[in-house]
């Protein structure tokens, strides 16, 4: 026999403790299972939200890319149009320069590198003298071998923004033309006095 009581009391206590342990273990197991289910639910919710956010981000990125692609397409088309326009202008300028060269240095007409485009100018633009009222008529072409070259130089200088005095000085020095008024009047118009 034990000091603490009867053997039947000890067995009851041990059974009670076993039952308590079993009950506690069952409760702990239920709590752990509930916690695991709650954790799984939280993880599932987080994954669902992450998928939804990712889908929204992808849709927004696609929308932005489509908008940028459209803007880039428009910009490229504008630049291509400008490039074509510049090319056509350069071709017209080349034809004009070739015609001017032919006037200065008569010879065989140059053969164009490419055929003219439909709807292009029928003939090469030509410079012509502006009639001066009350002034001397412009020198006829071919009168002086330097006259066409002087006129071309004066025209180029006028287009580039040179003053009447600068052009006259260049004609005096480069072509030994003392009185350049006729050429200047033909190109720039009569000088206001």
C-alpha atoms as a PDB file:
ATOM      1  CA  UNK A   1       0.000   0.000   0.000  1.00  0.00           C
ATOM      2  CA  UNK A   2       1.080   3.492  -0.629  1.00  0.00           C
ATOM      3  CA  UNK A   3       1.182   6.362   1.654  1.00  0.00           C
ATOM      4  CA  UNK A   4      -0.994   8.639  -0.397  1.00  0.00           C
ATOM      5  CA  UNK A   5      -4.044   6.540  -0.403  1.00  0.00           C
ATOM      6  CA  UNK A   6      -5.640   3.427  -1.576  1.00  0.00           C
ATOM      7  CA  UNK A   7      -4.582   1.636  -4.685  1.00  0.00           C
ATOM      8  CA  UNK A   8      -7.939   2.300  -6.211  1.00  0.00           C
ATOM      9  CA  UNK A   9      -7.486   6.060  -5.698  1.00  0.00           C
ATOM     10  CA  UNK A  10      -4.149   5.957  -7.508  1.00  0.00           C
ATOM     11  CA  UNK A  11      -5.620   4.085 -10.447  1.00  0.00           C
ATOM     12  CA  UNK A  12      -8.474   6.539 -10.648  1.00  0.00           C
ATOM     13  CA  UNK A  13      -6.033   9.398 -10.558  1.00  0.00           C
ATOM     14  CA  UNK A  14      -3.872   7.800 -13.200  1.00  0.00           C
ATOM     15  CA  UNK A  15      -6.892   7.126 -15.353  1.00  0.00           C
ATOM     16  CA  UNK A  16      -8.073  10.676 -14.814  1.00  0.00           C
ATOM     17  CA  UNK A  17      -4.641  12.016 -15.751  1.00  0.00           C
ATOM     18  CA  UNK A  18      -4.568   9.752 -18.802  1.00  0.00           C
ATOM     19  CA  UNK A  19      -8.029  10.963 -19.782  1.00  0.00           C
ATOM     20  CA  UNK A  20      -6.950  14.558 -19.203  1.00  0.00           C
ATOM     21  CA  UNK A  21      -3.806  14.025 -21.279  1.00  0.00           C
ATOM     22  CA  UNK A  22      -5.816  12.356 -24.037  1.00  0.00           C
ATOM     23  CA  UNK A  23      -8.388  15.173 -23.937  1.00  0.00           C
ATOM     24  CA  UNK A  24      -5.619  17.799 -23.972  1.00  0.00           C
ATOM     25  CA  UNK A  25      -3.873  16.013 -26.843  1.00  0.00           C
ATOM     26  CA  UNK A  26      -7.140  15.869 -28.777  1.00  0.00           C
ATOM     27  CA  UNK A  27      -7.752  19.568 -28.145  1.00  0.00           C
ATOM     28  CA  UNK A  28      -4.191  20.462 -29.133  1.00  0.00           C
ATOM     29  CA  UNK A  29      -4.548  18.345 -32.250  1.00  0.00           C
ATOM     30  CA  UNK A  30      -7.826  20.106 -33.102  1.00  0.00           C
ATOM     31  CA  UNK A  31      -6.197  23.508 -32.490  1.00  0.00           C
ATOM     32  CA  UNK A  32      -3.211  22.588 -34.684  1.00  0.00           C
ATOM     33  CA  UNK A  33      -5.555  21.327 -37.430  1.00  0.00           C
ATOM     34  CA  UNK A  34      -7.626  24.533 -37.216  1.00  0.00           C
ATOM     35  CA  UNK A  35      -4.443  26.634 -37.339  1.00  0.00           C
ATOM     36  CA  UNK A  36      -3.218  24.656 -40.372  1.00  0.00           C
ATOM     37  CA  UNK A  37      -6.565  25.128 -42.111  1.00  0.00           C
ATOM     38  CA  UNK A  38      -6.488  28.861 -41.306  1.00  0.00           C
ATOM     39  CA  UNK A  39      -2.912  29.112 -42.586  1.00  0.00           C
ATOM     40  CA  UNK A  40      -3.867  27.273 -45.782  1.00  0.00           C
ATOM     41  CA  UNK A  41      -6.809  29.628 -46.248  1.00  0.00           C
ATOM     42  CA  UNK A  42      -4.571  32.678 -45.732  1.00  0.00           C
ATOM     43  CA  UNK A  43      -2.024  31.265 -48.194  1.00  0.00           C
ATOM     44  CA  UNK A  44      -4.763  30.525 -50.736  1.00  0.00           C
ATOM     45  CA  UNK A  45      -6.164  34.056 -50.349  1.00  0.00           C
ATOM     46  CA  UNK A  46      -2.688  35.556 -50.729  1.00  0.00           C
ATOM     47  CA  UNK A  47      -2.009  33.494 -53.852  1.00  0.00           C
ATOM     48  CA  UNK A  48      -5.387  34.485 -55.324  1.00  0.00           C
ATOM     49  CA  UNK A  49      -4.707  38.165 -54.638  1.00  0.00           C
ATOM     50  CA  UNK A  50      -1.198  37.851 -56.075  1.00  0.00           C
ATOM     51  CA  UNK A  51      -2.572  36.229 -59.254  1.00  0.00           C
ATOM     52  CA  UNK A  52      -5.224  38.953 -59.562  1.00  0.00           C
ATOM     53  CA  UNK A  53      -2.626  41.712 -59.061  1.00  0.00           C
ATOM     54  CA  UNK A  54      -0.286  40.090 -61.579  1.00  0.00           C
ATOM     55  CA  UNK A  55      -3.095  39.825 -64.160  1.00  0.00           C
ATOM     56  CA  UNK A  56      -3.984  43.496 -63.630  1.00  0.00           C
ATOM     57  CA  UNK A  57      -0.325  44.519 -63.945  1.00  0.00           C
ATOM     58  CA  UNK A  58       0.034  42.505 -67.162  1.00  0.00           C
ATOM     59  CA  UNK A  59      -3.127  44.025 -68.618  1.00  0.00           C
ATOM     60  CA  UNK A  60      -1.918  47.535 -67.740  1.00  0.00           C
ATOM     61  CA  UNK A  61       1.516  46.849 -69.245  1.00  0.00           C
ATOM     62  CA  UNK A  62      -0.098  45.524 -72.446  1.00  0.00           C
ATOM     63  CA  UNK A  63      -2.324  48.629 -72.642  1.00  0.00           C
ATOM     64  CA  UNK A  64       0.693  50.889 -72.215  1.00  0.00           C
ATOM     65  CA  UNK A  65       2.707  48.943 -74.812  1.00  0.00           C
ATOM     66  CA  UNK A  66      -0.144  49.135 -77.323  1.00  0.00           C
ATOM     67  CA  UNK A  67      -0.397  52.905 -76.776  1.00  0.00           C
ATOM     68  CA  UNK A  68       3.351  53.356 -77.166  1.00  0.00           C
ATOM     69  CA  UNK A  69       3.445  51.118 -80.218  1.00  0.00           C
ATOM     70  CA  UNK A  70       0.718  53.252 -81.805  1.00  0.00           C
ATOM     71  CA  UNK A  71       2.578  56.470 -80.976  1.00  0.00           C
ATOM     72  CA  UNK A  72       5.843  55.026 -82.319  1.00  0.00           C
ATOM     73  CA  UNK A  73       4.085  53.882 -85.487  1.00  0.00           C
ATOM     74  CA  UNK A  74       2.677  57.382 -86.042  1.00  0.00           C
ATOM     75  CA  UNK A  75       6.081  58.939 -85.390  1.00  0.00           C
ATOM     76  CA  UNK A  76       7.791  56.543 -87.797  1.00  0.00           C
ATOM     77  CA  UNK A  77       5.225  57.307 -90.500  1.00  0.00           C
ATOM     78  CA  UNK A  78       5.724  61.043 -89.985  1.00  0.00           C
ATOM     79  CA  UNK A  79       9.499  60.686 -90.187  1.00  0.00           C
ATOM     80  CA  UNK A  80       9.242  58.535 -93.316  1.00  0.00           C
ATOM     81  CA  UNK A  81       7.000  61.144 -94.934  1.00  0.00           C
ATOM     82  CA  UNK A  82       9.485  63.876 -94.094  1.00  0.00           C
ATOM     83  CA  UNK A  83      12.369  61.776 -95.430  1.00  0.00           C
ATOM     84  CA  UNK A  84      10.539  61.206 -98.729  1.00  0.00           C
ATOM     85  CA  UNK A  85       9.756  64.905 -98.974  1.00  0.00           C
ATOM     86  CA  UNK A  86      13.393  65.828 -98.290  1.00  0.00           C
ATOM     87  CA  UNK A  87      14.577  63.325-100.875  1.00  0.00           C
ATOM     88  CA  UNK A  88      12.239  64.737-103.513  1.00  0.00           C
ATOM     89  CA  UNK A  89      13.356  68.274-102.687  1.00  0.00           C
ATOM     90  CA  UNK A  90      17.015  67.222-102.919  1.00  0.00           C
ATOM     91  CA  UNK A  91      16.366  65.628-106.313  1.00  0.00           C
ATOM     92  CA  UNK A  92      14.679  68.808-107.557  1.00  0.00           C
ATOM     93  CA  UNK A  93      17.588  70.863-106.265  1.00  0.00           C
ATOM     94  CA  UNK A  94      20.060  68.566-108.009  1.00  0.00           C
ATOM     95  CA  UNK A  95      18.201  68.988-111.305  1.00  0.00           C
ATOM     96  CA  UNK A  96      18.235  72.779-110.838  1.00  0.00           C
ATOM     97  CA  UNK A  97      21.954  72.769-110.068  1.00  0.00           C
ATOM     98  CA  UNK A  98      22.693  70.616-113.123  1.00  0.00           C
ATOM     99  CA  UNK A  99      20.727  73.064-115.287  1.00  0.00           C
ATOM    100  CA  UNK A 100      22.685  75.970-113.803  1.00  0.00           C
ATOM    101  CA  UNK A 101      25.957  74.167-114.482  1.00  0.00           C
ATOM    102  CA  UNK A 102      24.902  73.601-118.080  1.00  0.00           C
ATOM    103  CA  UNK A 103      24.267  77.323-118.475  1.00  0.00           C
ATOM    104  CA  UNK A 104      27.739  78.093-117.137  1.00  0.00           C
ATOM    105  CA  UNK A 105      29.574  75.291-118.924  1.00  0.00           C
ATOM    106  CA  UNK A 106      27.640  74.382-122.073  1.00  0.00           C
ATOM    107  CA  UNK A 107      28.188  70.818-123.227  1.00  0.00           C
ATOM    108  CA  UNK A 108      26.402  67.526-123.327  1.00  0.00           C
ATOM    109  CA  UNK A 109      23.244  67.537-121.241  1.00  0.00           C
ATOM    110  CA  UNK A 110      23.610  65.395-118.118  1.00  0.00           C
ATOM    111  CA  UNK A 111      21.705  62.159-118.078  1.00  0.00           C
ATOM    112  CA  UNK A 112      19.444  61.902-115.071  1.00  0.00           C
ATOM    113  CA  UNK A 113      20.320  59.146-112.599  1.00  0.00           C
ATOM    114  CA  UNK A 114      16.697  58.220-112.149  1.00  0.00           C
ATOM    115  CA  UNK A 115      13.590  58.805-114.243  1.00  0.00           C
ATOM    116  CA  UNK A 116      11.432  61.710-113.174  1.00  0.00           C
ATOM    117  CA  UNK A 117       8.546  60.927-110.939  1.00  0.00           C
ATOM    118  CA  UNK A 118       5.060  61.238-112.385  1.00  0.00           C
ATOM    119  CA  UNK A 119       3.562  64.592-111.600  1.00  0.00           C
ATOM    120  CA  UNK A 120       7.035  66.137-111.246  1.00  0.00           C
ATOM    121  CA  UNK A 121       7.975  69.429-112.836  1.00  0.00           C
ATOM    122  CA  UNK A 122       7.851  69.318-116.635  1.00  0.00           C
ATOM    123  CA  UNK A 123      10.940  71.449-117.050  1.00  0.00           C
ATOM    124  CA  UNK A 124      13.770  72.602-114.894  1.00  0.00           C
ATOM    125  CA  UNK A 125      13.092  75.847-113.013  1.00  0.00           C
ATOM    126  CA  UNK A 126      15.179  78.627-114.457  1.00  0.00           C
ATOM    127  CA  UNK A 127      16.442  81.898-113.042  1.00  0.00           C
ATOM    128  CA  UNK A 128      15.577  84.910-115.081  1.00  0.00           C
ATOM    129  CA  UNK A 129      16.375  88.540-114.838  1.00  0.00           C
ATOM    130  CA  UNK A 130      13.927  90.914-113.217  1.00  0.00           C
ATOM    131  CA  UNK A 131      13.275  93.811-115.605  1.00  0.00           C
ATOM    132  CA  UNK A 132      14.437  97.087-114.189  1.00  0.00           C
ATOM    133  CA  UNK A 133      12.308 100.132-114.912  1.00  0.00           C
ATOM    134  CA  UNK A 134      14.332 103.017-116.229  1.00  0.00           C
ATOM    135  CA  UNK A 135      17.604 101.170-115.764  1.00  0.00           C
ATOM    136  CA  UNK A 136      19.901  99.579-118.271  1.00  0.00           C
ATOM    137  CA  UNK A 137      18.769  96.206-119.600  1.00  0.00           C
ATOM    138  CA  UNK A 138      20.554  93.199-118.149  1.00  0.00           C
ATOM    139  CA  UNK A 139      23.533  91.898-120.078  1.00  0.00           C
ATOM    140  CA  UNK A 140      22.476  89.382-122.688  1.00  0.00           C
ATOM    141  CA  UNK A 141      23.702  85.852-121.965  1.00  0.00           C
ATOM    142  CA  UNK A 142      26.920  84.920-123.684  1.00  0.00           C
ATOM    143  CA  UNK A 143      28.111  88.543-124.014  1.00  0.00           C
ATOM    144  CA  UNK A 144      30.847  88.014-121.455  1.00  0.00           C
ATOM    145  CA  UNK A 145      32.313  84.626-120.581  1.00  0.00           C
ATOM    146  CA  UNK A 146      32.189  85.539-116.886  1.00  0.00           C
ATOM    147  CA  UNK A 147      28.612  86.890-116.856  1.00  0.00           C
ATOM    148  CA  UNK A 148      26.815  83.558-116.209  1.00  0.00           C
ATOM    149  CA  UNK A 149      29.310  82.606-113.499  1.00  0.00           C
ATOM    150  CA  UNK A 150      29.017  86.048-111.934  1.00  0.00           C
ATOM    151  CA  UNK A 151      25.222  85.826-111.987  1.00  0.00           C
ATOM    152  CA  UNK A 152      25.300  82.365-110.447  1.00  0.00           C
ATOM    153  CA  UNK A 153      27.679  83.478-107.691  1.00  0.00           C
ATOM    154  CA  UNK A 154      25.586  86.570-107.010  1.00  0.00           C
ATOM    155  CA  UNK A 155      22.430  84.458-106.866  1.00  0.00           C
ATOM    156  CA  UNK A 156      24.014  81.988-104.450  1.00  0.00           C
ATOM    157  CA  UNK A 157      25.280  84.801-102.225  1.00  0.00           C
ATOM    158  CA  UNK A 158      21.852  86.485-102.251  1.00  0.00           C
ATOM    159  CA  UNK A 159      20.143  83.224-101.288  1.00  0.00           C
ATOM    160  CA  UNK A 160      22.606  82.707 -98.442  1.00  0.00           C
ATOM    161  CA  UNK A 161      21.781  86.167 -97.081  1.00  0.00           C
ATOM    162  CA  UNK A 162      24.754  88.251 -98.218  1.00  0.00           C
ATOM    163  CA  UNK A 163      24.218  91.993 -98.501  1.00  0.00           C
ATOM    164  CA  UNK A 164      24.193  93.893-101.786  1.00  0.00           C
ATOM    165  CA  UNK A 165      27.548  95.464-100.900  1.00  0.00           C
ATOM    166  CA  UNK A 166      29.155  92.077-100.112  1.00  0.00           C
ATOM    167  CA  UNK A 167      27.977  90.658-103.431  1.00  0.00           C
ATOM    168  CA  UNK A 168      29.212  93.708-105.375  1.00  0.00           C
ATOM    169  CA  UNK A 169      32.623  93.485-103.678  1.00  0.00           C
ATOM    170  CA  UNK A 170      32.916  89.780-104.544  1.00  0.00           C
ATOM    171  CA  UNK A 171      31.987  90.437-108.177  1.00  0.00           C
ATOM    172  CA  UNK A 172      34.600  93.219-108.400  1.00  0.00           C
ATOM    173  CA  UNK A 173      37.332  91.042-106.893  1.00  0.00           C
ATOM    174  CA  UNK A 174      36.455  87.669-108.389  1.00  0.00           C
ATOM    175  CA  UNK A 175      35.216  88.647-111.854  1.00  0.00           C
ATOM    176  CA  UNK A 176      36.706  92.118-112.279  1.00  0.00           C
ATOM    177  CA  UNK A 177      33.248  93.584-112.793  1.00  0.00           C
ATOM    178  CA  UNK A 178      33.435  97.237-111.793  1.00  0.00           C
ATOM    179  CA  UNK A 179      29.741  98.042-112.219  1.00  0.00           C
ATOM    180  CA  UNK A 180      27.749  95.138-110.755  1.00  0.00           C
ATOM    181  CA  UNK A 181      24.508  97.138-110.494  1.00  0.00           C
ATOM    182  CA  UNK A 182      22.946  95.479-113.553  1.00  0.00           C
ATOM    183  CA  UNK A 183      23.554  91.990-112.175  1.00  0.00           C
ATOM    184  CA  UNK A 184      22.449  92.980-108.668  1.00  0.00           C
ATOM    185  CA  UNK A 185      19.324  94.707-109.975  1.00  0.00           C
ATOM    186  CA  UNK A 186      18.476  91.617-112.028  1.00  0.00           C
ATOM    187  CA  UNK A 187      18.810  89.357-109.008  1.00  0.00           C
ATOM    188  CA  UNK A 188      17.792  91.516-106.051  1.00  0.00           C
ATOM    189  CA  UNK A 189      15.658  94.104-107.805  1.00  0.00           C
ATOM    190  CA  UNK A 190      16.502  97.789-108.121  1.00  0.00           C
ATOM    191  CA  UNK A 191      18.215  99.387-105.169  1.00  0.00           C
ATOM    192  CA  UNK A 192      16.011 101.760-103.213  1.00  0.00           C
ATOM    193  CA  UNK A 193      17.507 105.238-103.190  1.00  0.00           C
END
